[in-house]
């Protein structure tokens, strides 16, 4: 009888170690997926803005949002259209793109009534910051995008500034079983389009 109890205790301990290892593997896998999704979506959003900016002949940036995170509106005048990039805070904080008729944005660059999502639904764009250099020829545009995943880990309340580097990072989660991924990408582009 004692041998049976001892064998069950050893078997239970081995099973506990195997289950704990398996749960850690699943957590690392999900964390890797969140990091990959965040980086891919952020890169795709930046590439989309850069691609449209290269063919634009004019750019306007309207700052929006309050610190610590800004969500600028970027308007690019291309031949025949005005393309607007913005963060749709009413929906899922995703990066959106709208194509408007020429000069419909007028002298102001504002969030349009509707647009198409550029980023995935499970990745939130927390900050879209841009600056235009309209004084030089050719004009240029600098873009910074801060994205967060998974969407359940939303919003800026989960992002903390690293005191040693000053870079945003995920706050530690209670229980240790939730994670998030923060990605920051930057790019600069010269406008090369010609006015019709």
C-alpha atoms as a PDB file:
ATOM      1  CA  UNK A   1       0.000   0.000   0.000  1.00  0.00           C
ATOM      2  CA  UNK A   2       2.835   2.420   0.849  1.00  0.00           C
ATOM      3  CA  UNK A   3       4.459   1.643  -2.510  1.00  0.00           C
ATOM      4  CA  UNK A   4       1.251   2.559  -4.327  1.00  0.00           C
ATOM      5  CA  UNK A   5       0.968   5.917  -2.530  1.00  0.00           C
ATOM      6  CA  UNK A   6       4.628   6.663  -3.223  1.00  0.00           C
ATOM      7  CA  UNK A   7       4.233   5.759  -6.927  1.00  0.00           C
ATOM      8  CA  UNK A   8       1.153   7.990  -7.213  1.00  0.00           C
ATOM      9  CA  UNK A   9       3.004  10.894  -5.572  1.00  0.00           C
ATOM     10  CA  UNK A  10       5.977  10.542  -7.941  1.00  0.00           C
ATOM     11  CA  UNK A  11       3.670  10.229 -10.970  1.00  0.00           C
ATOM     12  CA  UNK A  12       1.657  13.308  -9.856  1.00  0.00           C
ATOM     13  CA  UNK A  13       4.843  15.346  -9.452  1.00  0.00           C
ATOM     14  CA  UNK A  14       6.075  14.344 -12.921  1.00  0.00           C
ATOM     15  CA  UNK A  15       2.662  15.155 -14.430  1.00  0.00           C
ATOM     16  CA  UNK A  16       2.650  18.566 -12.710  1.00  0.00           C
ATOM     17  CA  UNK A  17       6.063  19.426 -14.181  1.00  0.00           C
ATOM     18  CA  UNK A  18       4.948  18.365 -17.679  1.00  0.00           C
ATOM     19  CA  UNK A  19       1.718  20.400 -17.513  1.00  0.00           C
ATOM     20  CA  UNK A  20       3.557  23.502 -16.222  1.00  0.00           C
ATOM     21  CA  UNK A  21       6.077  23.220 -19.064  1.00  0.00           C
ATOM     22  CA  UNK A  22       3.298  22.815 -21.619  1.00  0.00           C
ATOM     23  CA  UNK A  23       1.481  25.911 -20.302  1.00  0.00           C
ATOM     24  CA  UNK A  24       4.705  27.933 -20.549  1.00  0.00           C
ATOM     25  CA  UNK A  25       5.175  26.811 -24.162  1.00  0.00           C
ATOM     26  CA  UNK A  26       1.640  27.943 -24.994  1.00  0.00           C
ATOM     27  CA  UNK A  27       2.227  31.327 -23.327  1.00  0.00           C
ATOM     28  CA  UNK A  28       5.488  31.877 -25.245  1.00  0.00           C
ATOM     29  CA  UNK A  29       3.777  30.890 -28.490  1.00  0.00           C
ATOM     30  CA  UNK A  30       0.910  33.372 -27.929  1.00  0.00           C
ATOM     31  CA  UNK A  31       3.396  36.073 -26.952  1.00  0.00           C
ATOM     32  CA  UNK A  32       5.360  35.441 -30.154  1.00  0.00           C
ATOM     33  CA  UNK A  33       2.162  35.698 -32.206  1.00  0.00           C
ATOM     34  CA  UNK A  34       1.306  39.051 -30.594  1.00  0.00           C
ATOM     35  CA  UNK A  35       4.797  40.395 -31.291  1.00  0.00           C
ATOM     36  CA  UNK A  36       4.659  39.203 -34.911  1.00  0.00           C
ATOM     37  CA  UNK A  37       1.174  40.654 -35.492  1.00  0.00           C
ATOM     38  CA  UNK A  38       2.126  43.996 -33.987  1.00  0.00           C
ATOM     39  CA  UNK A  39       5.292  44.315 -36.052  1.00  0.00           C
ATOM     40  CA  UNK A  40       3.671  43.185 -39.306  1.00  0.00           C
ATOM     41  CA  UNK A  41       0.680  45.508 -38.932  1.00  0.00           C
ATOM     42  CA  UNK A  42       2.827  48.470 -37.965  1.00  0.00           C
ATOM     43  CA  UNK A  43       5.204  47.835 -40.867  1.00  0.00           C
ATOM     44  CA  UNK A  44       2.288  47.460 -43.301  1.00  0.00           C
ATOM     45  CA  UNK A  45       0.758  50.754 -42.091  1.00  0.00           C
ATOM     46  CA  UNK A  46       4.037  52.654 -42.427  1.00  0.00           C
ATOM     47  CA  UNK A  47       4.675  51.143 -45.873  1.00  0.00           C
ATOM     48  CA  UNK A  48       1.196  52.164 -47.019  1.00  0.00           C
ATOM     49  CA  UNK A  49       1.713  55.772 -45.898  1.00  0.00           C
ATOM     50  CA  UNK A  50       5.204  55.915 -47.447  1.00  0.00           C
ATOM     51  CA  UNK A  51       3.973  54.440 -50.758  1.00  0.00           C
ATOM     52  CA  UNK A  52       1.232  57.074 -51.029  1.00  0.00           C
ATOM     53  CA  UNK A  53       3.541  59.889 -49.868  1.00  0.00           C
ATOM     54  CA  UNK A  54       6.068  59.117 -52.602  1.00  0.00           C
ATOM     55  CA  UNK A  55       3.501  59.875 -55.291  1.00  0.00           C
ATOM     56  CA  UNK A  56       2.016  62.908 -53.508  1.00  0.00           C
ATOM     57  CA  UNK A  57       2.881  66.508 -54.332  1.00  0.00           C
ATOM     58  CA  UNK A  58       1.603  68.099 -51.105  1.00  0.00           C
ATOM     59  CA  UNK A  59       1.240  67.010 -47.477  1.00  0.00           C
ATOM     60  CA  UNK A  60      -0.650  68.466 -44.527  1.00  0.00           C
ATOM     61  CA  UNK A  61      -0.534  67.207 -40.930  1.00  0.00           C
ATOM     62  CA  UNK A  62      -3.099  68.088 -38.278  1.00  0.00           C
ATOM     63  CA  UNK A  63      -2.084  67.205 -34.700  1.00  0.00           C
ATOM     64  CA  UNK A  64      -4.846  65.610 -32.643  1.00  0.00           C
ATOM     65  CA  UNK A  65      -5.090  63.936 -29.279  1.00  0.00           C
ATOM     66  CA  UNK A  66      -3.703  64.836 -25.907  1.00  0.00           C
ATOM     67  CA  UNK A  67      -0.411  63.810 -24.330  1.00  0.00           C
ATOM     68  CA  UNK A  68       1.056  61.344 -23.723  1.00  0.00           C
ATOM     69  CA  UNK A  69      -0.072  60.029 -27.128  1.00  0.00           C
ATOM     70  CA  UNK A  70      -0.831  62.011 -30.293  1.00  0.00           C
ATOM     71  CA  UNK A  71      -2.903  60.835 -33.214  1.00  0.00           C
ATOM     72  CA  UNK A  72      -2.154  63.085 -36.142  1.00  0.00           C
ATOM     73  CA  UNK A  73      -4.188  63.225 -39.327  1.00  0.00           C
ATOM     74  CA  UNK A  74      -2.041  62.973 -42.474  1.00  0.00           C
ATOM     75  CA  UNK A  75      -3.446  64.359 -45.742  1.00  0.00           C
ATOM     76  CA  UNK A  76      -1.592  63.630 -48.981  1.00  0.00           C
ATOM     77  CA  UNK A  77      -2.575  65.402 -52.197  1.00  0.00           C
ATOM     78  CA  UNK A  78      -2.032  63.152 -55.179  1.00  0.00           C
ATOM     79  CA  UNK A  79      -3.058  63.767 -58.747  1.00  0.00           C
ATOM     80  CA  UNK A  80      -6.830  63.509 -58.663  1.00  0.00           C
ATOM     81  CA  UNK A  81      -7.273  62.560 -54.978  1.00  0.00           C
ATOM     82  CA  UNK A  82      -6.600  63.509 -51.385  1.00  0.00           C
ATOM     83  CA  UNK A  83      -5.574  60.510 -49.274  1.00  0.00           C
ATOM     84  CA  UNK A  84      -6.131  60.785 -45.523  1.00  0.00           C
ATOM     85  CA  UNK A  85      -4.523  58.544 -42.883  1.00  0.00           C
ATOM     86  CA  UNK A  86      -5.867  58.678 -39.332  1.00  0.00           C
ATOM     87  CA  UNK A  87      -6.437  56.617 -36.187  1.00  0.00           C
ATOM     88  CA  UNK A  88     -10.096  55.724 -35.772  1.00  0.00           C
ATOM     89  CA  UNK A  89     -10.492  56.054 -32.006  1.00  0.00           C
ATOM     90  CA  UNK A  90     -14.253  55.458 -32.257  1.00  0.00           C
ATOM     91  CA  UNK A  91     -13.791  51.945 -33.660  1.00  0.00           C
ATOM     92  CA  UNK A  92     -10.832  49.881 -32.518  1.00  0.00           C
ATOM     93  CA  UNK A  93      -7.995  52.418 -32.550  1.00  0.00           C
ATOM     94  CA  UNK A  94      -6.886  51.056 -35.874  1.00  0.00           C
ATOM     95  CA  UNK A  95      -5.054  52.893 -38.640  1.00  0.00           C
ATOM     96  CA  UNK A  96      -7.522  53.946 -41.352  1.00  0.00           C
ATOM     97  CA  UNK A  97      -7.197  55.355 -44.867  1.00  0.00           C
ATOM     98  CA  UNK A  98      -9.747  57.405 -46.809  1.00  0.00           C
ATOM     99  CA  UNK A  99      -9.562  58.557 -50.418  1.00  0.00           C
ATOM    100  CA  UNK A 100     -11.370  61.852 -51.007  1.00  0.00           C
ATOM    101  CA  UNK A 101     -12.030  63.854 -54.171  1.00  0.00           C
ATOM    102  CA  UNK A 102      -9.349  66.459 -54.984  1.00  0.00           C
ATOM    103  CA  UNK A 103      -9.220  69.469 -52.666  1.00  0.00           C
ATOM    104  CA  UNK A 104     -12.167  68.168 -50.622  1.00  0.00           C
ATOM    105  CA  UNK A 105      -9.987  68.453 -47.550  1.00  0.00           C
ATOM    106  CA  UNK A 106      -9.611  72.132 -48.396  1.00  0.00           C
ATOM    107  CA  UNK A 107      -7.011  73.971 -46.408  1.00  0.00           C
ATOM    108  CA  UNK A 108      -7.692  71.874 -43.313  1.00  0.00           C
ATOM    109  CA  UNK A 109      -6.765  68.253 -42.810  1.00  0.00           C
ATOM    110  CA  UNK A 110      -9.455  66.549 -40.703  1.00  0.00           C
ATOM    111  CA  UNK A 111     -10.720  63.060 -39.934  1.00  0.00           C
ATOM    112  CA  UNK A 112     -13.105  62.021 -42.733  1.00  0.00           C
ATOM    113  CA  UNK A 113     -16.523  60.504 -41.977  1.00  0.00           C
ATOM    114  CA  UNK A 114     -15.445  57.026 -43.124  1.00  0.00           C
ATOM    115  CA  UNK A 115     -12.446  55.072 -44.311  1.00  0.00           C
ATOM    116  CA  UNK A 116     -10.963  51.617 -44.809  1.00  0.00           C
ATOM    117  CA  UNK A 117      -8.855  49.892 -42.135  1.00  0.00           C
ATOM    118  CA  UNK A 118      -5.165  49.565 -42.921  1.00  0.00           C
ATOM    119  CA  UNK A 119      -4.231  47.661 -39.754  1.00  0.00           C
ATOM    120  CA  UNK A 120      -5.650  44.426 -38.389  1.00  0.00           C
ATOM    121  CA  UNK A 121      -8.548  44.441 -35.925  1.00  0.00           C
ATOM    122  CA  UNK A 122      -6.482  42.835 -33.162  1.00  0.00           C
ATOM    123  CA  UNK A 123      -3.712  45.457 -33.221  1.00  0.00           C
ATOM    124  CA  UNK A 124      -4.327  48.935 -31.843  1.00  0.00           C
ATOM    125  CA  UNK A 125      -2.458  51.972 -33.116  1.00  0.00           C
ATOM    126  CA  UNK A 126      -1.893  53.973 -29.956  1.00  0.00           C
ATOM    127  CA  UNK A 127      -0.004  56.835 -31.584  1.00  0.00           C
ATOM    128  CA  UNK A 128       0.371  58.152 -35.132  1.00  0.00           C
ATOM    129  CA  UNK A 129       2.755  61.082 -35.131  1.00  0.00           C
ATOM    130  CA  UNK A 130       3.886  62.889 -38.257  1.00  0.00           C
ATOM    131  CA  UNK A 131       5.712  66.041 -39.215  1.00  0.00           C
ATOM    132  CA  UNK A 132       5.844  67.616 -42.638  1.00  0.00           C
ATOM    133  CA  UNK A 133       8.694  69.701 -43.974  1.00  0.00           C
ATOM    134  CA  UNK A 134       6.944  71.889 -46.520  1.00  0.00           C
ATOM    135  CA  UNK A 135       9.695  74.500 -46.796  1.00  0.00           C
ATOM    136  CA  UNK A 136      12.178  72.420 -48.734  1.00  0.00           C
ATOM    137  CA  UNK A 137      11.949  71.166 -52.255  1.00  0.00           C
ATOM    138  CA  UNK A 138      11.042  68.346 -52.406  1.00  0.00           C
ATOM    139  CA  UNK A 139       8.727  68.261 -49.422  1.00  0.00           C
ATOM    140  CA  UNK A 140       9.268  65.499 -46.890  1.00  0.00           C
ATOM    141  CA  UNK A 141       7.235  63.615 -44.305  1.00  0.00           C
ATOM    142  CA  UNK A 142       8.432  61.905 -41.113  1.00  0.00           C
ATOM    143  CA  UNK A 143       6.185  59.285 -39.522  1.00  0.00           C
ATOM    144  CA  UNK A 144       6.228  57.506 -36.139  1.00  0.00           C
ATOM    145  CA  UNK A 145       3.746  54.748 -35.305  1.00  0.00           C
ATOM    146  CA  UNK A 146       3.293  53.151 -31.878  1.00  0.00           C
ATOM    147  CA  UNK A 147       1.187  49.971 -31.937  1.00  0.00           C
ATOM    148  CA  UNK A 148      -0.030  47.612 -29.223  1.00  0.00           C
ATOM    149  CA  UNK A 149      -1.311  44.014 -29.303  1.00  0.00           C
ATOM    150  CA  UNK A 150      -3.343  42.077 -28.420  1.00  0.00           C
ATOM    151  CA  UNK A 151      -6.384  44.316 -28.589  1.00  0.00           C
ATOM    152  CA  UNK A 152      -7.703  42.922 -25.295  1.00  0.00           C
ATOM    153  CA  UNK A 153      -4.629  44.443 -23.655  1.00  0.00           C
ATOM    154  CA  UNK A 154      -5.758  47.862 -24.852  1.00  0.00           C
ATOM    155  CA  UNK A 155      -5.010  50.815 -24.229  1.00  0.00           C
ATOM    156  CA  UNK A 156      -2.443  53.312 -23.221  1.00  0.00           C
ATOM    157  CA  UNK A 157      -3.031  52.390 -19.571  1.00  0.00           C
ATOM    158  CA  UNK A 158      -0.934  49.276 -20.253  1.00  0.00           C
ATOM    159  CA  UNK A 159       1.982  51.213 -21.674  1.00  0.00           C
ATOM    160  CA  UNK A 160       4.624  52.599 -19.380  1.00  0.00           C
ATOM    161  CA  UNK A 161       7.705  54.636 -20.173  1.00  0.00           C
ATOM    162  CA  UNK A 162      10.938  52.805 -19.450  1.00  0.00           C
ATOM    163  CA  UNK A 163      12.823  55.039 -17.020  1.00  0.00           C
ATOM    164  CA  UNK A 164      16.269  54.059 -18.296  1.00  0.00           C
ATOM    165  CA  UNK A 165      15.645  54.364 -22.058  1.00  0.00           C
ATOM    166  CA  UNK A 166      12.532  56.561 -22.259  1.00  0.00           C
ATOM    167  CA  UNK A 167      10.917  54.057 -24.644  1.00  0.00           C
ATOM    168  CA  UNK A 168       7.357  52.814 -24.142  1.00  0.00           C
ATOM    169  CA  UNK A 169       7.016  49.257 -22.877  1.00  0.00           C
ATOM    170  CA  UNK A 170       4.274  46.980 -21.557  1.00  0.00           C
ATOM    171  CA  UNK A 171       3.442  47.318 -17.886  1.00  0.00           C
ATOM    172  CA  UNK A 172       3.755  44.096 -15.888  1.00  0.00           C
ATOM    173  CA  UNK A 173       0.378  42.396 -15.645  1.00  0.00           C
ATOM    174  CA  UNK A 174      -1.169  41.078 -12.440  1.00  0.00           C
ATOM    175  CA  UNK A 175      -1.018  37.302 -12.295  1.00  0.00           C
ATOM    176  CA  UNK A 176       1.696  37.203 -14.943  1.00  0.00           C
ATOM    177  CA  UNK A 177      -0.522  35.435 -17.462  1.00  0.00           C
ATOM    178  CA  UNK A 178      -1.307  38.376 -19.769  1.00  0.00           C
ATOM    179  CA  UNK A 179       1.150  39.983 -22.105  1.00  0.00           C
ATOM    180  CA  UNK A 180       1.255  42.712 -24.664  1.00  0.00           C
ATOM    181  CA  UNK A 181       3.574  43.739 -27.442  1.00  0.00           C
ATOM    182  CA  UNK A 182       4.612  47.304 -28.160  1.00  0.00           C
ATOM    183  CA  UNK A 183       6.137  48.188 -31.523  1.00  0.00           C
ATOM    184  CA  UNK A 184       7.497  51.574 -32.578  1.00  0.00           C
ATOM    185  CA  UNK A 185       8.439  52.178 -36.205  1.00  0.00           C
ATOM    186  CA  UNK A 186       9.623  55.355 -37.891  1.00  0.00           C
ATOM    187  CA  UNK A 187      10.160  56.359 -41.478  1.00  0.00           C
ATOM    188  CA  UNK A 188      10.863  59.424 -43.583  1.00  0.00           C
ATOM    189  CA  UNK A 189       9.973  59.969 -47.198  1.00  0.00           C
ATOM    190  CA  UNK A 190      10.367  62.694 -49.826  1.00  0.00           C
ATOM    191  CA  UNK A 191       7.287  63.643 -51.822  1.00  0.00           C
ATOM    192  CA  UNK A 192       8.026  63.140 -55.507  1.00  0.00           C
ATOM    193  CA  UNK A 193       4.654  63.622 -57.154  1.00  0.00           C
ATOM    194  CA  UNK A 194       3.854  66.483 -59.478  1.00  0.00           C
ATOM    195  CA  UNK A 195       0.863  68.760 -59.245  1.00  0.00           C
ATOM    196  CA  UNK A 196      -1.657  68.206 -62.043  1.00  0.00           C
END
